[in-house]
Structures are given as structure tokens and as C-alpha cells.
Amino acid sequence: MLKLQTSVEIAAPGFDVGFGHSALMLGSCFADSIGSIMIECGLDVCVNPFGTLYNPASIASAIKRLEEGRPFTEEECVEMGAGAGRICSFSHHTRFARKDRESFLENANRSLGEACAFWKRCDTLILTLGTSMVWRRADNGMAVANCLKRPAAEFTHDRLTPDQVSELLESVIKMSSPRRIILSISPIRHLSSGAHDNSLSKASLLLGANQAVHSYPDTFYFPSYEIVLDELRDYRFYSEDMVHPSELAVKIIWERFVESFIPASEKGRLAENEKAARRAAHRQLSIL
């Protein structure tokens, strides 16, 4: 039979992420997409407790914060730019922004406390890297998770080298021991600086992740990026913005994740939970 598709082979990970395990997920909005499905299926996961994180430096800082359990303080509160009239921090995505410092700190530290408690008991860390481009504060060189619409003059912009990506991931792996770690590169394209810069950025992530995976046996690479770019390989698998994977692409990647990480004995239960979640969502939409 004529072959019309290149299949991406996924090696056996040697561990599972089924109902007997708990996983913390950090990273790009692709992590949010897969994480929301995992929650619907009844898996024990905590997804992006600081909001969406795009680069390895911000992810490493988030893990360090979880390890330390250090609360956020007023000194870390930042007034957003562009007349937003909101308060956030350089460690958070703007979905954490609130109208005043008190509200922001209450919300941020509640999320941090819950995430720290989860971190102490979870056995798996799932990271989805979005970009190796990093914005840094011009005054102290600190990598920021989000520029918060502040003036561009307040930041510098650089791309992490593969060695820098690998070093950051190794620091995360060491802080996370003895947890199992799943690394993945987000298929979401970052085109603000052009297609070529996006390719270079993803290349740094791929090379850095490869170095880290080959250095630590409890670290596994899941090829979500390759599934979209090499196996699906068609714009019909992207949303209307031509940047984010479509719902169908996310579903396909989720199915491949299930094949790799969910034990055969639990797949029936997983499917039933997913169907129940969809029925509940449909009923809720019908009521609205």
C-alpha cells in the first residue's frame, strides 16, 4: 500500500503516568492544552501554577521557587504597562494580574502554597519548552516569564545556546530528583521575529533537551514537536492563527501520549472519564 505519511516512532519510556501517579506540568500553552485533558480524564496533575512559562530559564526559576517555598513579596509586585492598571510579577503569566498588590499576592501565594504541597508528593515532572528566546531585565539581567507590557527599553533579548538550555535543564533535573521527567518541545510557532528565528530557537531547545536526556536515565523525551512537524505536516492541523495546533492535532498528540504512558489496564477507565467530562461540558453548554 502507498505510504502517504511519515510516522514518528516513540521509544518505550520505561515508566507510566497512570492513575497511581501524580505529575506537575510546567511550560507553554501547549502544556495547558494537554494538562486540561489530563485533568478531565481524572489524572492527578497540577498545571502551570505560575501561569504559562515559555523558556527554560523561567521554568528553572519556577522549580527553584517550588523547592524553596518562598512566598512572593511586595518587592516583587510590578505595575503592568500600556495603561493596564494591573499588578503582576516577572515570575508569572499575566493571567495572575490583579487590580492591586494585596489581591495579586493573595492569589499568587495561594497558588504557590498549593503547588508546593503538590510538588512535595508528586513523582513526575512534565516540561514543555516553547522558546529559547529570553527577555531579561536590563537592570539586573534576571530572566522574566513575561514582560508585562512594560517598555522594551527595560529589557534585553537573547537566544539561549544549546549548552545553556542543557545546563538549565540539568539544574531542573537535579532539583527534581528522584522524580521522573518528561521533556517535550511545544509545536507552537513563535513568529514575532520571523520564521528563521523560530527555527533557530526550536533548534536550541531540541539540542539542549537531547543533551539532558542522554545524561540522565530518568529523563524521557516525548516528540510532540516532531509529531506535528513531521507526521501531521499540514496546515489543516493548525488553528486559524496558523501558530497554535488545532484541536485535532492536540487530540492526536494526546492519543500518542496515552499510547506511551498509560498502562493498558487503565485505558478503559481513562476513556470513560474523558467521555464523562465531555458529556458534562455539553450539558453545561446546553443550560447556558
Protein backbone atom coordinates (compact mmCIF):
# COMPACT_ATOMS: atom_id res chain seq x y z
CA MET A 1 0.00 0.00 0.00
CA LEU A 2 1.24 3.50 -0.84
CA LYS A 3 2.61 5.25 2.24
CA LEU A 4 1.44 8.88 2.49
CA GLN A 5 2.71 9.75 5.95
CA THR A 6 5.95 9.65 7.90
CA SER A 7 5.36 8.02 11.28
CA VAL A 8 7.22 9.29 14.32
CA GLU A 9 8.37 6.33 16.38
CA ILE A 10 8.29 6.75 20.17
CA ALA A 11 10.60 4.59 22.26
CA ALA A 12 9.19 2.87 25.33
CA PRO A 13 9.66 5.27 28.27
CA GLY A 14 10.11 2.58 30.93
CA PHE A 15 7.58 4.19 33.30
CA ASP A 16 3.95 5.27 33.24
CA VAL A 17 1.91 8.31 34.27
CA GLY A 18 -1.31 6.47 35.07
CA PHE A 19 -3.78 6.75 37.92
CA GLY A 20 -1.27 5.67 40.54
CA HIS A 21 1.00 8.65 39.84
CA SER A 22 0.94 12.44 40.13
CA ALA A 23 2.54 14.90 37.72
CA LEU A 24 3.41 18.58 37.80
CA MET A 25 3.24 20.23 34.36
CA LEU A 26 5.12 23.41 33.50
CA GLY A 27 5.65 25.21 30.23
CA SER A 28 4.00 26.73 27.18
CA CYS A 29 0.28 26.95 26.46
CA PHE A 30 0.60 23.55 24.82
CA ALA A 31 1.18 22.22 28.36
CA ASP A 32 -2.12 23.87 29.31
CA SER A 33 -3.89 22.09 26.43
CA ILE A 34 -2.60 18.61 27.31
CA GLY A 35 -2.87 19.29 31.04
CA SER A 36 -6.56 20.19 30.78
CA ILE A 37 -7.24 16.87 29.04
CA MET A 38 -5.36 15.00 31.77
CA ILE A 39 -7.48 16.73 34.42
CA GLU A 40 -10.68 15.83 32.53
CA CYS A 41 -9.52 12.21 32.48
CA GLY A 42 -9.15 12.16 36.24
CA LEU A 43 -5.35 12.03 36.36
CA ASP A 44 -3.62 13.64 39.32
CA VAL A 45 -1.90 16.68 37.79
CA CYS A 46 -1.06 20.27 38.67
CA VAL A 47 -0.75 22.50 35.59
CA ASN A 48 1.24 25.74 35.35
CA PRO A 49 0.81 27.12 38.90
CA PHE A 50 2.66 30.30 37.77
CA GLY A 51 0.76 30.55 34.51
CA THR A 52 2.22 29.86 31.08
CA LEU A 53 6.03 29.72 31.01
CA TYR A 54 7.79 29.80 27.67
CA ASN A 55 11.55 29.48 28.15
CA PRO A 56 13.84 27.12 30.11
CA ALA A 57 15.22 29.92 32.32
CA SER A 58 11.75 30.81 33.63
CA ILE A 59 10.91 27.14 34.13
CA ALA A 60 14.12 26.60 36.13
CA SER A 61 13.26 29.62 38.30
CA ALA A 62 9.78 28.22 38.91
CA ILE A 63 11.17 24.86 40.05
CA LYS A 64 13.60 26.64 42.37
CA ARG A 65 10.68 28.56 43.85
CA LEU A 66 8.75 25.36 44.45
CA GLU A 67 11.78 23.81 46.12
CA GLU A 68 12.29 26.82 48.40
CA GLY A 69 8.61 27.52 49.03
CA ARG A 70 9.50 31.21 49.38
CA PRO A 71 6.36 33.41 49.29
CA PHE A 72 6.07 36.32 46.88
CA THR A 73 6.51 39.74 48.48
CA GLU A 74 5.56 43.35 47.73
CA GLU A 75 9.05 43.95 46.35
CA GLU A 76 8.22 41.53 43.53
CA CYS A 77 4.99 43.27 42.58
CA VAL A 78 5.18 45.05 39.22
CA GLU A 79 2.76 47.55 37.72
CA MET A 80 1.90 46.43 34.23
CA GLY A 81 2.50 48.83 31.34
CA ALA A 82 0.33 50.10 28.48
CA GLY A 83 -2.18 51.53 30.96
CA ALA A 84 -3.32 48.08 32.05
CA GLY A 85 -3.85 49.23 35.63
CA ARG A 86 -2.95 45.79 36.96
CA ILE A 87 -0.32 44.32 39.25
CA CYS A 88 1.63 41.17 38.47
CA SER A 89 5.22 39.86 38.85
CA PHE A 90 8.00 38.93 36.46
CA SER A 91 7.62 35.32 37.63
CA HIS A 92 4.02 34.98 36.44
CA HIS A 93 1.90 34.98 33.33
CA THR A 94 -0.47 37.94 33.08
CA ARG A 95 -3.48 35.75 33.94
CA PHE A 96 -2.29 36.21 37.54
CA ALA A 97 -2.56 40.02 37.28
CA ARG A 98 -4.90 41.71 39.75
CA LYS A 99 -6.06 45.26 40.42
CA ASP A 100 -3.83 45.81 43.47
CA ARG A 101 -0.81 44.33 45.28
CA GLU A 102 -2.86 42.73 48.02
CA SER A 103 -5.09 40.84 45.59
CA PHE A 104 -2.15 39.76 43.46
CA LEU A 105 -0.09 38.49 46.41
CA GLU A 106 -3.06 36.66 47.91
CA ASN A 107 -3.73 34.85 44.64
CA ALA A 108 -0.07 34.21 43.77
CA ASN A 109 0.82 32.86 47.19
CA ARG A 110 -2.29 30.71 47.42
CA SER A 111 -1.35 29.10 44.11
CA LEU A 112 2.27 28.78 45.25
CA GLY A 113 1.26 27.09 48.51
CA GLU A 114 -0.95 24.57 46.73
CA ALA A 115 1.76 23.91 44.13
CA CYS A 116 4.47 23.45 46.78
CA ALA A 117 2.33 20.88 48.58
CA PHE A 118 1.72 19.07 45.30
CA TRP A 119 5.41 19.27 44.38
CA LYS A 120 6.41 17.52 47.60
CA ARG A 121 4.21 14.50 46.84
CA CYS A 122 4.34 14.22 43.03
CA ASP A 123 6.58 11.68 41.31
CA THR A 124 6.65 13.07 37.75
CA LEU A 125 7.58 16.39 36.16
CA ILE A 126 6.39 17.18 32.61
CA LEU A 127 8.05 20.14 30.90
CA THR A 128 7.00 21.66 27.58
CA LEU A 129 9.58 24.12 26.26
CA GLY A 130 8.25 26.82 23.94
CA THR A 131 11.19 29.02 23.00
CA SER A 132 14.86 29.55 23.76
CA MET A 133 14.42 33.32 23.34
CA VAL A 134 14.66 35.02 26.72
CA TRP A 135 13.77 38.53 27.81
CA ARG A 136 15.91 39.82 30.70
CA ARG A 137 15.59 42.84 32.93
CA ALA A 138 18.15 45.42 31.81
CA ASP A 139 18.85 46.49 35.42
CA ASN A 140 19.83 43.08 36.85
CA GLY A 141 19.88 40.52 34.00
CA MET A 142 17.09 38.41 35.52
CA ALA A 143 15.11 36.35 33.02
CA VAL A 144 11.41 37.20 33.11
CA ALA A 145 8.46 34.93 32.48
CA ASN A 146 6.55 37.83 30.95
CA CYS A 147 7.41 41.45 30.10
CA LEU A 148 4.02 42.60 31.45
CA LYS A 149 3.65 45.17 28.64
CA ARG A 150 6.44 47.23 30.16
CA PRO A 151 8.57 49.43 27.82
CA ALA A 152 11.01 47.45 25.66
CA ALA A 153 13.89 49.62 26.89
CA GLU A 154 13.60 47.92 30.29
CA PHE A 155 14.70 44.56 28.81
CA THR A 156 17.35 42.86 26.76
CA HIS A 157 16.61 39.95 24.43
CA ASP A 158 18.80 36.95 23.64
CA ARG A 159 18.61 33.36 22.49
CA LEU A 160 19.89 30.60 24.75
CA THR A 161 22.54 28.37 23.22
CA PRO A 162 22.03 24.58 23.26
CA ASP A 163 24.60 24.33 26.07
CA GLN A 164 22.73 26.94 28.12
CA VAL A 165 19.45 25.10 27.56
CA SER A 166 21.10 21.85 28.63
CA GLU A 167 22.60 23.46 31.76
CA LEU A 168 19.22 24.88 32.79
CA LEU A 169 17.51 21.54 32.23
CA GLU A 170 20.22 19.74 34.20
CA SER A 171 19.65 22.14 37.10
CA VAL A 172 15.92 21.32 36.94
CA ILE A 173 16.64 17.58 36.83
CA LYS A 174 18.91 17.79 39.87
CA MET A 175 16.38 19.84 41.86
CA SER A 176 13.61 17.43 40.86
CA SER A 177 15.34 14.16 41.78
CA PRO A 178 14.11 11.45 42.30
CA ARG A 179 11.10 12.37 40.14
CA ARG A 180 10.79 11.05 36.58
CA ILE A 181 10.92 13.81 33.98
CA ILE A 182 9.25 14.07 30.58
CA LEU A 183 10.64 16.74 28.26
CA SER A 184 8.81 17.98 25.19
CA ILE A 185 9.16 20.83 22.72
CA SER A 186 5.98 22.75 22.00
CA PRO A 187 4.85 22.67 18.35
CA ILE A 188 3.50 26.22 18.78
CA ARG A 189 5.40 28.59 16.50
CA HIS A 190 6.86 31.85 17.86
CA LEU A 191 6.92 34.07 14.78
CA SER A 192 7.30 37.56 16.24
CA SER A 193 10.91 37.69 15.00
CA GLY A 194 10.26 35.67 11.85
CA ALA A 195 10.24 32.03 10.76
CA HIS A 196 14.03 31.70 10.67
CA ASP A 197 14.45 32.88 14.27
CA ASN A 198 11.70 30.48 15.33
CA SER A 199 13.61 27.61 13.69
CA LEU A 200 16.85 28.62 15.41
CA SER A 201 15.03 28.92 18.73
CA LYS A 202 13.48 25.45 18.43
CA ALA A 203 16.87 24.04 17.33
CA SER A 204 18.49 25.27 20.56
CA LEU A 205 15.72 23.63 22.57
CA LEU A 206 15.99 20.36 20.65
CA LEU A 207 19.77 20.15 21.01
CA GLY A 208 19.75 21.18 24.66
CA ALA A 209 16.97 18.74 25.55
CA ASN A 210 18.80 15.96 23.71
CA GLN A 211 21.95 16.57 25.77
CA ALA A 212 19.98 16.48 29.02
CA VAL A 213 18.03 13.33 28.12
CA HIS A 214 21.18 11.41 27.25
CA SER A 215 22.85 12.44 30.52
CA TYR A 216 20.05 11.38 32.89
CA PRO A 217 18.35 7.95 32.66
CA ASP A 218 15.10 9.02 34.38
CA THR A 219 14.50 11.73 31.77
CA PHE A 220 12.43 10.93 28.68
CA TYR A 221 11.83 12.97 25.52
CA PHE A 222 8.29 12.92 24.13
CA PRO A 223 8.23 14.09 20.47
CA SER A 224 5.14 16.33 20.35
CA TYR A 225 7.04 18.81 18.15
CA GLU A 226 8.05 16.11 15.70
CA ILE A 227 4.55 14.62 15.54
CA VAL A 228 3.13 17.94 14.33
CA LEU A 229 6.05 18.94 12.08
CA ASP A 230 6.96 15.56 10.58
CA GLU A 231 3.95 13.28 10.94
CA LEU A 232 0.96 15.61 10.57
CA ARG A 233 2.82 18.14 8.40
CA ASP A 234 -0.18 20.08 7.11
CA TYR A 235 -1.73 23.49 7.89
CA ARG A 236 -5.09 21.84 8.48
CA PHE A 237 -3.60 20.72 11.80
CA TYR A 238 -3.16 24.34 12.87
CA SER A 239 -5.72 26.79 14.24
CA GLU A 240 -6.83 29.82 12.27
CA ASP A 241 -3.85 31.83 13.56
CA MET A 242 -1.52 29.34 11.81
CA VAL A 243 0.57 29.29 15.02
CA HIS A 244 -1.20 27.03 17.51
CA PRO A 245 -2.01 23.36 16.80
CA SER A 246 -5.68 22.69 16.09
CA GLU A 247 -7.92 20.73 18.44
CA LEU A 248 -7.46 17.72 16.17
CA ALA A 249 -3.66 17.96 16.38
CA VAL A 250 -3.83 18.22 20.17
CA LYS A 251 -6.11 15.18 20.25
CA ILE A 252 -3.69 13.17 18.10
CA ILE A 253 -0.74 14.08 20.30
CA TRP A 254 -2.79 13.19 23.37
CA GLU A 255 -3.57 9.79 21.86
CA ARG A 256 0.15 9.20 21.28
CA PHE A 257 0.86 10.26 24.87
CA VAL A 258 -1.73 7.76 26.11
CA GLU A 259 -0.15 5.02 24.00
CA SER A 260 3.23 5.75 25.60
CA PHE A 261 2.42 6.48 29.22
CA ILE A 262 -0.95 4.98 30.22
CA PRO A 263 -0.94 1.28 31.13
CA ALA A 264 -3.21 -0.90 29.00
CA SER A 265 -5.17 -1.90 32.11
CA GLU A 266 -6.13 1.76 32.74
CA LYS A 267 -7.00 2.92 29.21
CA GLY A 268 -10.66 1.90 29.52
CA ARG A 269 -11.07 3.91 32.72
CA LEU A 270 -9.30 6.86 31.14
CA ALA A 271 -11.59 6.79 28.09
CA GLU A 272 -14.72 6.60 30.29
CA ASN A 273 -13.56 9.58 32.36
CA GLU A 274 -12.90 11.58 29.22
CA LYS A 275 -16.35 10.79 27.82
CA ALA A 276 -18.00 11.73 31.12
CA ALA A 277 -16.16 15.07 31.15
CA ARG A 278 -17.33 15.84 27.61
CA ARG A 279 -20.93 14.93 28.46
CA ALA A 280 -20.80 17.21 31.50
CA ALA A 281 -19.38 20.06 29.42
CA HIS A 282 -22.08 19.54 26.78
CA ARG A 283 -24.85 19.64 29.41
CA GLN A 284 -23.40 22.84 30.84
CA LEU A 285 -23.32 24.48 27.39
CA SER A 286 -26.91 23.38 26.79
CA ILE A 287 -28.02 25.04 30.03
CA LEU A 288 -26.23 28.26 29.09
